[in-house]
PDB file of N, CA and C in Angstrom:
ATOM      1  N   MET A   1      26.646-118.417   5.900  1.00  0.00           N
ATOM      2  CA  MET A   1      25.312-118.756   6.392  1.00  0.00           C
ATOM      3  C   MET A   1      24.883-117.804   7.497  1.00  0.00           C
ATOM      4  N   VAL A   2      25.823-117.481   8.385  1.00  0.00           N
ATOM      5  CA  VAL A   2      25.511-116.583   9.494  1.00  0.00           C
ATOM      6  C   VAL A   2      25.197-115.192   8.967  1.00  0.00           C
ATOM      7  N   ALA A   3      25.904-114.776   7.924  1.00  0.00           N
ATOM      8  CA  ALA A   3      25.670-113.457   7.340  1.00  0.00           C
ATOM      9  C   ALA A   3      24.273-113.374   6.716  1.00  0.00           C
ATOM     10  N   VAL A   4      23.812-114.446   6.120  1.00  0.00           N
ATOM     11  CA  VAL A   4      22.486-114.469   5.515  1.00  0.00           C
ATOM     12  C   VAL A   4      21.415-114.339   6.591  1.00  0.00           C
ATOM     13  N   ILE A   5      21.585-115.062   7.680  1.00  0.00           N
ATOM     14  CA  ILE A   5      20.628-114.998   8.793  1.00  0.00           C
ATOM     15  C   ILE A   5      20.628-113.593   9.394  1.00  0.00           C
ATOM     16  N   ALA A   6      21.805-112.993   9.530  1.00  0.00           N
ATOM     17  CA  ALA A   6      21.895-111.640  10.070  1.00  0.00           C
ATOM     18  C   ALA A   6      21.196-110.642   9.154  1.00  0.00           C
ATOM     19  N   LEU A   7      21.352-110.802   7.843  1.00  0.00           N
ATOM     20  CA  LEU A   7      20.673-109.917   6.901  1.00  0.00           C
ATOM     21  C   LEU A   7      19.158-110.093   6.940  1.00  0.00           C
ATOM     22  N   ILE A   8      18.704-111.313   7.106  1.00  0.00           N
ATOM     23  CA  ILE A   8      17.266-111.570   7.207  1.00  0.00           C
ATOM     24  C   ILE A   8      16.704-110.908   8.461  1.00  0.00           C
ATOM     25  N   ILE A   9      17.401-111.051   9.577  1.00  0.00           N
ATOM     26  CA  ILE A   9      16.963-110.420  10.827  1.00  0.00           C
ATOM     27  C   ILE A   9      16.970-108.905  10.690  1.00  0.00           C
ATOM     28  N   LEU A  10      17.986-108.355  10.057  1.00  0.00           N
ATOM     29  CA  LEU A  10      18.055-106.915   9.835  1.00  0.00           C
ATOM     30  C   LEU A  10      16.900-106.440   8.947  1.00  0.00           C
ATOM     31  N   ALA A  11      16.587-107.190   7.896  1.00  0.00           N
ATOM     32  CA  ALA A  11      15.477-106.821   7.013  1.00  0.00           C
ATOM     33  C   ALA A  11      14.147-106.846   7.765  1.00  0.00           C
ATOM     34  N   ILE A  12      13.958-107.853   8.599  1.00  0.00           N
ATOM     35  CA  ILE A  12      12.733-107.936   9.401  1.00  0.00           C
ATOM     36  C   ILE A  12      12.647-106.742  10.349  1.00  0.00           C
ATOM     37  N   ALA A  13      13.758-106.373  10.973  1.00  0.00           N
ATOM     38  CA  ALA A  13      13.773-105.227  11.885  1.00  0.00           C
ATOM     39  C   ALA A  13      13.467-103.928  11.158  1.00  0.00           C
ATOM     40  N   VAL A  14      14.013-103.758   9.965  1.00  0.00           N
ATOM     41  CA  VAL A  14      13.763-102.538   9.196  1.00  0.00           C
ATOM     42  C   VAL A  14      12.297-102.455   8.781  1.00  0.00           C
ATOM     43  N   VAL A  15      11.736-103.547   8.283  1.00  0.00           N
ATOM     44  CA  VAL A  15      10.329-103.561   7.886  1.00  0.00           C
ATOM     45  C   VAL A  15       9.428-103.297   9.087  1.00  0.00           C
ATOM     46  N   THR A  16       9.750-103.893  10.219  1.00  0.00           N
ATOM     47  CA  THR A  16       8.969-103.655  11.437  1.00  0.00           C
ATOM     48  C   THR A  16       9.047-102.196  11.853  1.00  0.00           C
ATOM     49  N   GLY A  17      10.210-101.595  11.768  1.00  0.00           N
ATOM     50  CA  GLY A  17      10.370-100.181  12.113  1.00  0.00           C
ATOM     51  C   GLY A  17       9.573 -99.280  11.192  1.00  0.00           C
ATOM     52  N   ILE A  18       9.585 -99.581   9.900  1.00  0.00           N
ATOM     53  CA  ILE A  18       8.816 -98.781   8.942  1.00  0.00           C
ATOM     54  C   ILE A  18       7.321 -98.904   9.219  1.00  0.00           C
ATOM     55  N   LEU A  19       6.853-100.123   9.472  1.00  0.00           N
ATOM     56  CA  LEU A  19       5.437-100.314   9.788  1.00  0.00           C
ATOM     57  C   LEU A  19       5.049 -99.591  11.072  1.00  0.00           C
ATOM     58  N   ALA A  20       5.908 -99.637  12.076  1.00  0.00           N
ATOM     59  CA  ALA A  20       5.621 -98.948  13.334  1.00  0.00           C
ATOM     60  C   ALA A  20       5.544 -97.439  13.118  1.00  0.00           C
ATOM     61  N   ALA A  21       6.438 -96.893  12.319  1.00  0.00           N
ATOM     62  CA  ALA A  21       6.415 -95.454  12.035  1.00  0.00           C
ATOM     63  C   ALA A  21       5.133 -95.064  11.299  1.00  0.00           C
ATOM     64  N   LEU A  22       4.708 -95.883  10.342  1.00  0.00           N
ATOM     65  CA  LEU A  22       3.467 -95.608   9.628  1.00  0.00           C
ATOM     66  C   LEU A  22       2.253 -95.676  10.546  1.00  0.00           C
ATOM     67  N   MET A  23       2.249 -96.634  11.467  1.00  0.00           N
ATOM     68  CA  MET A  23       1.136 -96.754  12.400  1.00  0.00           C
ATOM     69  C   MET A  23       1.073 -95.561  13.344  1.00  0.00           C
ATOM     70  N   VAL A  24       2.234 -95.104  13.826  1.00  0.00           N
ATOM     71  CA  VAL A  24       2.266 -93.935  14.711  1.00  0.00           C
ATOM     72  C   VAL A  24       1.770 -92.706  13.963  1.00  0.00           C
ATOM     73  N   ARG A  25       2.175 -92.562  12.727  1.00  0.00           N
ATOM     74  CA  ARG A  25       1.745 -91.417  11.913  1.00  0.00           C
ATOM     75  C   ARG A  25       0.232 -91.435  11.695  1.00  0.00           C
ATOM     76  N   LYS A  26      -0.303 -92.606  11.404  1.00  0.00           N
ATOM     77  CA  LYS A  26      -1.744 -92.735  11.185  1.00  0.00           C
ATOM     78  C   LYS A  26      -2.516 -92.446  12.463  1.00  0.00           C
ATOM     79  N   ARG A  27      -2.012 -92.926  13.594  1.00  0.00           N
ATOM     80  CA  ARG A  27      -2.690 -92.710  14.876  1.00  0.00           C
ATOM     81  C   ARG A  27      -2.717 -91.228  15.232  1.00  0.00           C
ATOM     82  N   LYS A  28      -1.659 -90.502  14.923  1.00  0.00           N
ATOM     83  CA  LYS A  28      -1.627 -89.069  15.204  1.00  0.00           C
ATOM     84  C   LYS A  28      -2.671 -88.329  14.383  1.00  0.00           C
ATOM     85  N   LYS A  29      -2.906 -88.777  13.143  1.00  0.00           N
ATOM     86  CA  LYS A  29      -3.893 -88.130  12.281  1.00  0.00           C
ATOM     87  C   LYS A  29      -5.323 -88.429  12.725  1.00  0.00           C
ATOM     88  N   GLU A  30      -5.593 -89.686  13.025  1.00  0.00           N
ATOM     89  CA  GLU A  30      -6.972 -90.122  13.285  1.00  0.00           C
ATOM     90  C   GLU A  30      -7.350 -90.122  14.758  1.00  0.00           C
ATOM     91  N   GLY A  31      -6.405 -90.101  15.654  1.00  0.00           N
ATOM     92  CA  GLY A  31      -6.722 -90.209  17.071  1.00  0.00           C
ATOM     93  C   GLY A  31      -6.733 -91.671  17.507  1.00  0.00           C
ATOM     94  N   LYS A  32      -6.922 -91.873  18.793  1.00  0.00           N
ATOM     95  CA  LYS A  32      -6.902 -93.235  19.328  1.00  0.00           C
ATOM     96  C   LYS A  32      -8.174 -93.998  18.955  1.00  0.00           C
ATOM     97  N   PRO A  33      -8.025 -95.234  18.507  1.00  0.00           N
ATOM     98  CA  PRO A  33      -9.223 -96.034  18.251  1.00  0.00           C
ATOM     99  C   PRO A  33      -9.824 -96.526  19.567  1.00  0.00           C
ATOM    100  N   GLN A  34     -11.141 -96.724  19.566  1.00  0.00           N
ATOM    101  CA  GLN A  34     -11.795 -97.232  20.762  1.00  0.00           C
ATOM    102  C   GLN A  34     -11.596 -98.743  20.847  1.00  0.00           C
ATOM    103  N   VAL A  35     -11.390 -99.212  22.047  1.00  0.00           N
ATOM    104  CA  VAL A  35     -11.180-100.638  22.278  1.00  0.00           C
ATOM    105  C   VAL A  35     -12.534-101.299  22.468  1.00  0.00           C
ATOM    106  N   ASP A  36     -12.747-102.412  21.776  1.00  0.00           N
ATOM    107  CA  ASP A  36     -13.992-103.164  21.912  1.00  0.00           C
ATOM    108  C   ASP A  36     -13.776-104.292  22.923  1.00  0.00           C
ATOM    109  N   TYR A  37     -14.136-104.029  24.162  1.00  0.00           N
ATOM    110  CA  TYR A  37     -13.905-105.002  25.227  1.00  0.00           C
ATOM    111  C   TYR A  37     -14.837-106.193  25.126  1.00  0.00           C
ATOM    112  N   HIS A  38     -15.953-106.039  24.444  1.00  0.00           N
ATOM    113  CA  HIS A  38     -16.858-107.170  24.256  1.00  0.00           C
ATOM    114  C   HIS A  38     -16.187-108.244  23.402  1.00  0.00           C
ATOM    115  N   THR A  39     -15.370-107.827  22.450  1.00  0.00           N
ATOM    116  CA  THR A  39     -14.628-108.778  21.624  1.00  0.00           C
ATOM    117  C   THR A  39     -13.609-109.546  22.459  1.00  0.00           C
ATOM    118  N   PHE A  40     -12.956-108.868  23.400  1.00  0.00           N
ATOM    119  CA  PHE A  40     -12.044-109.572  24.303  1.00  0.00           C
ATOM    120  C   PHE A  40     -12.793-110.654  25.073  1.00  0.00           C
ATOM    121  N   PHE A  41     -13.987-110.327  25.546  1.00  0.00           N
ATOM    122  CA  PHE A  41     -14.784-111.294  26.293  1.00  0.00           C
ATOM    123  C   PHE A  41     -15.158-112.492  25.420  1.00  0.00           C
ATOM    124  N   ILE A  42     -15.588-112.222  24.187  1.00  0.00           N
ATOM    125  CA  ILE A  42     -15.965-113.302  23.270  1.00  0.00           C
ATOM    126  C   ILE A  42     -14.759-114.197  22.967  1.00  0.00           C
ATOM    127  N   LEU A  43     -13.588-113.591  22.743  1.00  0.00           N
ATOM    128  CA  LEU A  43     -12.383-114.386  22.498  1.00  0.00           C
ATOM    129  C   LEU A  43     -12.039-115.251  23.711  1.00  0.00           C
ATOM    130  N   GLY A  44     -12.171-114.677  24.906  1.00  0.00           N
ATOM    131  CA  GLY A  44     -11.891-115.448  26.118  1.00  0.00           C
ATOM    132  C   GLY A  44     -12.844-116.610  26.284  1.00  0.00           C
ATOM    133  N   ILE A  45     -14.125-116.354  26.048  1.00  0.00           N
ATOM    134  CA  ILE A  45     -15.134-117.411  26.157  1.00  0.00           C
ATOM    135  C   ILE A  45     -14.875-118.519  25.138  1.00  0.00           C
ATOM    136  N   THR A  46     -14.337-118.165  23.995  1.00  0.00           N
ATOM    137  CA  THR A  46     -14.066-119.151  22.950  1.00  0.00           C
ATOM    138  C   THR A  46     -12.788-119.934  23.235  1.00  0.00           C
ATOM    139  N   TRP A  47     -11.731-119.245  23.625  1.00  0.00           N
ATOM    140  CA  TRP A  47     -10.431-119.895  23.771  1.00  0.00           C
ATOM    141  C   TRP A  47     -10.307-120.762  25.014  1.00  0.00           C
ATOM    142  N   VAL A  48     -10.972-120.403  26.094  1.00  0.00           N
ATOM    143  CA  VAL A  48     -10.837-121.198  27.330  1.00  0.00           C
ATOM    144  C   VAL A  48     -11.368-122.620  27.121  1.00  0.00           C
ATOM    145  N   PRO A  49     -12.607-122.820  26.658  1.00  0.00           N
ATOM    146  CA  PRO A  49     -13.056-124.205  26.455  1.00  0.00           C
ATOM    147  C   PRO A  49     -12.257-124.943  25.382  1.00  0.00           C
ATOM    148  N   PHE A  50     -11.892-124.233  24.300  1.00  0.00           N
ATOM    149  CA  PHE A  50     -11.104-124.870  23.252  1.00  0.00           C
ATOM    150  C   PHE A  50      -9.768-125.368  23.799  1.00  0.00           C
ATOM    151  N   SER A  51      -9.120-124.565  24.626  1.00  0.00           N
ATOM    152  CA  SER A  51      -7.828-124.974  25.168  1.00  0.00           C
ATOM    153  C   SER A  51      -7.983-126.114  26.174  1.00  0.00           C
ATOM    154  N   ILE A  52      -9.078-126.120  26.923  1.00  0.00           N
ATOM    155  CA  ILE A  52      -9.310-127.224  27.855  1.00  0.00           C
ATOM    156  C   ILE A  52      -9.496-128.529  27.079  1.00  0.00           C
ATOM    157  N   VAL A  53     -10.271-128.480  26.009  1.00  0.00           N
ATOM    158  CA  VAL A  53     -10.459-129.671  25.175  1.00  0.00           C
ATOM    159  C   VAL A  53      -9.123-130.110  24.580  1.00  0.00           C
ATOM    160  N   LEU A  54      -8.334-129.146  24.120  1.00  0.00           N
ATOM    161  CA  LEU A  54      -7.027-129.465  23.552  1.00  0.00           C
ATOM    162  C   LEU A  54      -6.114-130.117  24.590  1.00  0.00           C
ATOM    163  N   MET A  55      -6.144-129.629  25.821  1.00  0.00           N
ATOM    164  CA  MET A  55      -5.309-130.220  26.868  1.00  0.00           C
ATOM    165  C   MET A  55      -5.799-131.612  27.249  1.00  0.00           C
ATOM    166  N   VAL A  56      -7.125-131.823  27.289  1.00  0.00           N
ATOM    167  CA  VAL A  56      -7.659-133.146  27.620  1.00  0.00           C
ATOM    168  C   VAL A  56      -7.299-134.155  26.532  1.00  0.00           C
ATOM    169  N   VAL A  57      -7.436-133.752  25.284  1.00  0.00           N
ATOM    170  CA  VAL A  57      -7.091-134.646  24.178  1.00  0.00           C
ATOM    171  C   VAL A  57      -5.600-134.977  24.207  1.00  0.00           C
ATOM    172  N   SER A  58      -4.765-133.970  24.473  1.00  0.00           N
ATOM    173  CA  SER A  58      -3.331-134.246  24.533  1.00  0.00           C
ATOM    174  C   SER A  58      -2.982-135.128  25.737  1.00  0.00           C
ATOM    175  N   PHE A  59      -3.741-135.010  26.823  1.00  0.00           N
ATOM    176  CA  PHE A  59      -3.512-135.889  27.971  1.00  0.00           C
ATOM    177  C   PHE A  59      -3.920-137.329  27.642  1.00  0.00           C
ATOM    178  N   ILE A  60      -5.026-137.481  26.948  1.00  0.00           N
ATOM    179  CA  ILE A  60      -5.489-138.824  26.576  1.00  0.00           C
ATOM    180  C   ILE A  60      -4.513-139.479  25.604  1.00  0.00           C
ATOM    181  N   LEU A  61      -3.991-138.700  24.670  1.00  0.00           N
ATOM    182  CA  LEU A  61      -3.041-139.244  23.696  1.00  0.00           C
ATOM    183  C   LEU A  61      -1.620-139.307  24.232  1.00  0.00           C
ATOM    184  N   GLN A  62      -1.434-138.907  25.471  1.00  0.00           N
ATOM    185  CA  GLN A  62      -0.149-138.941  26.172  1.00  0.00           C
ATOM    186  C   GLN A  62       0.925-138.138  25.445  1.00  0.00           C
ATOM    187  N   ILE A  63       0.529-136.962  24.998  1.00  0.00           N
ATOM    188  CA  ILE A  63       1.495-136.009  24.465  1.00  0.00           C
ATOM    189  C   ILE A  63       1.498-134.799  25.397  1.00  0.00           C
ATOM    190  N   PRO A  64       2.568-134.042  25.436  1.00  0.00           N
ATOM    191  CA  PRO A  64       2.625-132.898  26.355  1.00  0.00           C
ATOM    192  C   PRO A  64       1.506-131.894  26.076  1.00  0.00           C
ATOM    193  N   PHE A  65       0.914-131.385  27.158  1.00  0.00           N
ATOM    194  CA  PHE A  65      -0.218-130.477  26.981  1.00  0.00           C
ATOM    195  C   PHE A  65       0.206-129.013  26.947  1.00  0.00           C
ATOM    196  N   TYR A  66       1.493-128.752  26.720  1.00  0.00           N
ATOM    197  CA  TYR A  66       1.949-127.375  26.669  1.00  0.00           C
ATOM    198  C   TYR A  66       1.412-126.627  25.456  1.00  0.00           C
ATOM    199  N   ILE A  67       0.786-127.317  24.538  1.00  0.00           N
ATOM    200  CA  ILE A  67       0.184-126.657  23.380  1.00  0.00           C
ATOM    201  C   ILE A  67      -1.074-125.900  23.795  1.00  0.00           C
ATOM    202  N   GLY A  68      -1.884-126.503  24.641  1.00  0.00           N
ATOM    203  CA  GLY A  68      -3.140-125.877  25.044  1.00  0.00           C
ATOM    204  C   GLY A  68      -3.003-124.899  26.192  1.00  0.00           C
ATOM    205  N   PHE A  69      -1.952-125.002  26.970  1.00  0.00           N
ATOM    206  CA  PHE A  69      -1.825-124.147  28.152  1.00  0.00           C
ATOM    207  C   PHE A  69      -1.664-122.666  27.815  1.00  0.00           C
ATOM    208  N   PRO A  70      -0.837-122.275  26.822  1.00  0.00           N
ATOM    209  CA  PRO A  70      -0.768-120.843  26.486  1.00  0.00           C
ATOM    210  C   PRO A  70      -2.104-120.293  25.980  1.00  0.00           C
ATOM    211  N   LEU A  71      -2.840-121.105  25.224  1.00  0.00           N
ATOM    212  CA  LEU A  71      -4.156-120.662  24.771  1.00  0.00           C
ATOM    213  C   LEU A  71      -5.106-120.487  25.947  1.00  0.00           C
ATOM    214  N   PHE A  72      -5.004-121.373  26.932  1.00  0.00           N
ATOM    215  CA  PHE A  72      -5.829-121.248  28.127  1.00  0.00           C
ATOM    216  C   PHE A  72      -5.493-119.962  28.877  1.00  0.00           C
ATOM    217  N   ALA A  73      -4.209-119.691  29.036  1.00  0.00           N
ATOM    218  CA  ALA A  73      -3.791-118.482  29.749  1.00  0.00           C
ATOM    219  C   ALA A  73      -4.236-117.231  28.992  1.00  0.00           C
ATOM    220  N   LEU A  74      -4.062-117.227  27.685  1.00  0.00           N
ATOM    221  CA  LEU A  74      -4.460-116.076  26.888  1.00  0.00           C
ATOM    222  C   LEU A  74      -5.979-115.889  26.910  1.00  0.00           C
ATOM    223  N   GLY A  75      -6.713-116.979  26.811  1.00  0.00           N
ATOM    224  CA  GLY A  75      -8.174-116.898  26.894  1.00  0.00           C
ATOM    225  C   GLY A  75      -8.635-116.386  28.240  1.00  0.00           C
ATOM    226  N   LEU A  76      -7.969-116.809  29.296  1.00  0.00           N
ATOM    227  CA  LEU A  76      -8.321-116.341  30.638  1.00  0.00           C
ATOM    228  C   LEU A  76      -8.015-114.856  30.783  1.00  0.00           C
ATOM    229  N   ILE A  77      -6.901-114.414  30.238  1.00  0.00           N
ATOM    230  CA  ILE A  77      -6.556-112.984  30.291  1.00  0.00           C
ATOM    231  C   ILE A  77      -7.581-112.173  29.504  1.00  0.00           C
ATOM    232  N   TYR A  78      -7.948-112.640  28.313  1.00  0.00           N
ATOM    233  CA  TYR A  78      -8.961-111.931  27.518  1.00  0.00           C
ATOM    234  C   TYR A  78     -10.293-111.877  28.261  1.00  0.00           C
ATOM    235  N   LEU A  79     -10.647-112.970  28.895  1.00  0.00           N
ATOM    236  CA  LEU A  79     -11.893-113.026  29.648  1.00  0.00           C
ATOM    237  C   LEU A  79     -11.881-112.025  30.797  1.00  0.00           C
ATOM    238  N   ILE A  80     -10.780-111.937  31.494  1.00  0.00           N
ATOM    239  CA  ILE A  80     -10.662-110.999  32.615  1.00  0.00           C
ATOM    240  C   ILE A  80     -10.715-109.558  32.120  1.00  0.00           C
ATOM    241  N   ILE A  81     -10.020-109.268  31.019  1.00  0.00           N
ATOM    242  CA  ILE A  81     -10.044-107.906  30.462  1.00  0.00           C
ATOM    243  C   ILE A  81     -11.463-107.533  30.044  1.00  0.00           C
ATOM    244  N   GLY A  82     -12.148-108.444  29.382  1.00  0.00           N
ATOM    245  CA  GLY A  82     -13.515-108.174  28.943  1.00  0.00           C
ATOM    246  C   GLY A  82     -14.467-107.970  30.104  1.00  0.00           C
ATOM    247  N   MET A  83     -14.346-108.786  31.141  1.00  0.00           N
ATOM    248  CA  MET A  83     -15.241-108.665  32.290  1.00  0.00           C
ATOM    249  C   MET A  83     -14.925-107.425  33.126  1.00  0.00           C
ATOM    250  N   ALA A  84     -13.658-107.053  33.204  1.00  0.00           N
ATOM    251  CA  ALA A  84     -13.285-105.876  33.993  1.00  0.00           C
ATOM    252  C   ALA A  84     -13.809-104.597  33.361  1.00  0.00           C
ATOM    253  N   ASN A  85     -13.997-104.601  32.047  1.00  0.00           N
ATOM    254  CA  ASN A  85     -14.481-103.415  31.334  1.00  0.00           C
ATOM    255  C   ASN A  85     -15.884-103.640  30.784  1.00  0.00           C
ATOM    256  N   ARG A  86     -16.681-104.393  31.507  1.00  0.00           N
ATOM    257  CA  ARG A  86     -18.039-104.728  31.078  1.00  0.00           C
ATOM    258  C   ARG A  86     -18.910-103.481  30.921  1.00  0.00           C
ATOM    259  N   ASP A  87     -18.634-102.439  31.694  1.00  0.00           N
ATOM    260  CA  ASP A  87     -19.425-101.215  31.601  1.00  0.00           C
ATOM    261  C   ASP A  87     -19.191-100.459  30.285  1.00  0.00           C
ATOM    262  N   LYS A  88     -18.131-100.766  29.576  1.00  0.00           N
ATOM    263  CA  LYS A  88     -17.813-100.080  28.324  1.00  0.00           C
ATOM    264  C   LYS A  88     -18.299-100.837  27.089  1.00  0.00           C
ATOM    265  N   TRP A  89     -19.001-101.944  27.261  1.00  0.00           N
ATOM    266  CA  TRP A  89     -19.461-102.735  26.129  1.00  0.00           C
ATOM    267  C   TRP A  89     -20.461-101.967  25.279  1.00  0.00           C
ATOM    268  N   GLN A  90     -21.388-101.272  25.864  1.00  0.00           N
ATOM    269  CA  GLN A  90     -22.447-100.594  25.121  1.00  0.00           C
ATOM    270  C   GLN A  90     -21.927 -99.395  24.337  1.00  0.00           C
ATOM    271  N   GLN A  91     -20.804 -98.814  24.759  1.00  0.00           N
ATOM    272  CA  GLN A  91     -20.271 -97.629  24.099  1.00  0.00           C
ATOM    273  C   GLN A  91     -19.807 -97.930  22.680  1.00  0.00           C
ATOM    274  N   ASN A  92     -19.311 -99.112  22.438  1.00  0.00           N
ATOM    275  CA  ASN A  92     -18.701 -99.430  21.150  1.00  0.00           C
ATOM    276  C   ASN A  92     -19.641-100.127  20.176  1.00  0.00           C
ATOM    277  N   LYS A  93     -20.846-100.433  20.603  1.00  0.00           N
ATOM    278  CA  LYS A  93     -21.758-101.130  19.703  1.00  0.00           C
ATOM    279  C   LYS A  93     -22.249-100.182  18.628  1.00  0.00           C
ATOM    280  N   PRO A  94     -22.348-100.653  17.397  1.00  0.00           N
ATOM    281  CA  PRO A  94     -22.838 -99.769  16.327  1.00  0.00           C
ATOM    282  C   PRO A  94     -24.316 -99.453  16.523  1.00  0.00           C
ATOM    283  N   LYS A  95     -24.679 -98.275  16.118  1.00  0.00           N
ATOM    284  CA  LYS A  95     -26.084 -97.859  16.200  1.00  0.00           C
ATOM    285  C   LYS A  95     -26.843 -98.504  15.063  1.00  0.00           C
ATOM    286  N   ILE A  96     -27.962 -99.154  15.378  1.00  0.00           N
ATOM    287  CA  ILE A  96     -28.790 -99.814  14.374  1.00  0.00           C
ATOM    288  C   ILE A  96     -30.119 -99.083  14.318  1.00  0.00           C
ATOM    289  N   ASN A  97     -30.512 -98.674  13.124  1.00  0.00           N
ATOM    290  CA  ASN A  97     -31.784 -97.980  12.983  1.00  0.00           C
ATOM    291  C   ASN A  97     -32.926 -98.976  12.835  1.00  0.00           C
ATOM    292  N   ASP A  98     -34.120 -98.474  12.583  1.00  0.00           N
ATOM    293  CA  ASP A  98     -35.301 -99.343  12.494  1.00  0.00           C
ATOM    294  C   ASP A  98     -35.273-100.296  11.322  1.00  0.00           C
ATOM    295  N   ASN A  99     -34.524 -99.969  10.278  1.00  0.00           N
ATOM    296  CA  ASN A  99     -34.427-100.845   9.108  1.00  0.00           C
ATOM    297  C   ASN A  99     -33.445-102.005   9.304  1.00  0.00           C
ATOM    298  N   GLY A 100     -32.756-102.021  10.428  1.00  0.00           N
ATOM    299  CA  GLY A 100     -31.778-103.059  10.683  1.00  0.00           C
ATOM    300  C   GLY A 100     -30.424-102.775  10.075  1.00  0.00           C
ATOM    301  N   GLU A 101     -30.217-101.540   9.623  1.00  0.00           N
ATOM    302  CA  GLU A 101     -28.953-101.170   9.023  1.00  0.00           C
ATOM    303  C   GLU A 101     -28.142-100.371  10.018  1.00  0.00           C
ATOM    304  N   GLY A 102     -26.813-100.565   9.964  1.00  0.00           N
ATOM    305  CA  GLY A 102     -25.915 -99.884  10.893  1.00  0.00           C
ATOM    306  C   GLY A 102     -25.519 -98.521  10.498  1.00  0.00           C
TER     307      GLY A 102
END
């Protein structure tokens, strides 16, 4: 049983290594992608209230609220990242012409 688990972990590590090598190769060809900080802000705005509701519901039902706390922390981090780079929001928006097409 232990050998099977070890082989599964080894297979996961090998697949992860192959994917990482392919991603590095692709990044070298295409260059660095631009980060869309507005998306980080939107995710933060979405996850913070959702996690608060999740924690309140878990408190009312008297179950541990550790389910909502990581989402709250992650949403807060996304919100901070998005707000800290607010000046870069306009750079990544697609150009829309007069016909409404991108």
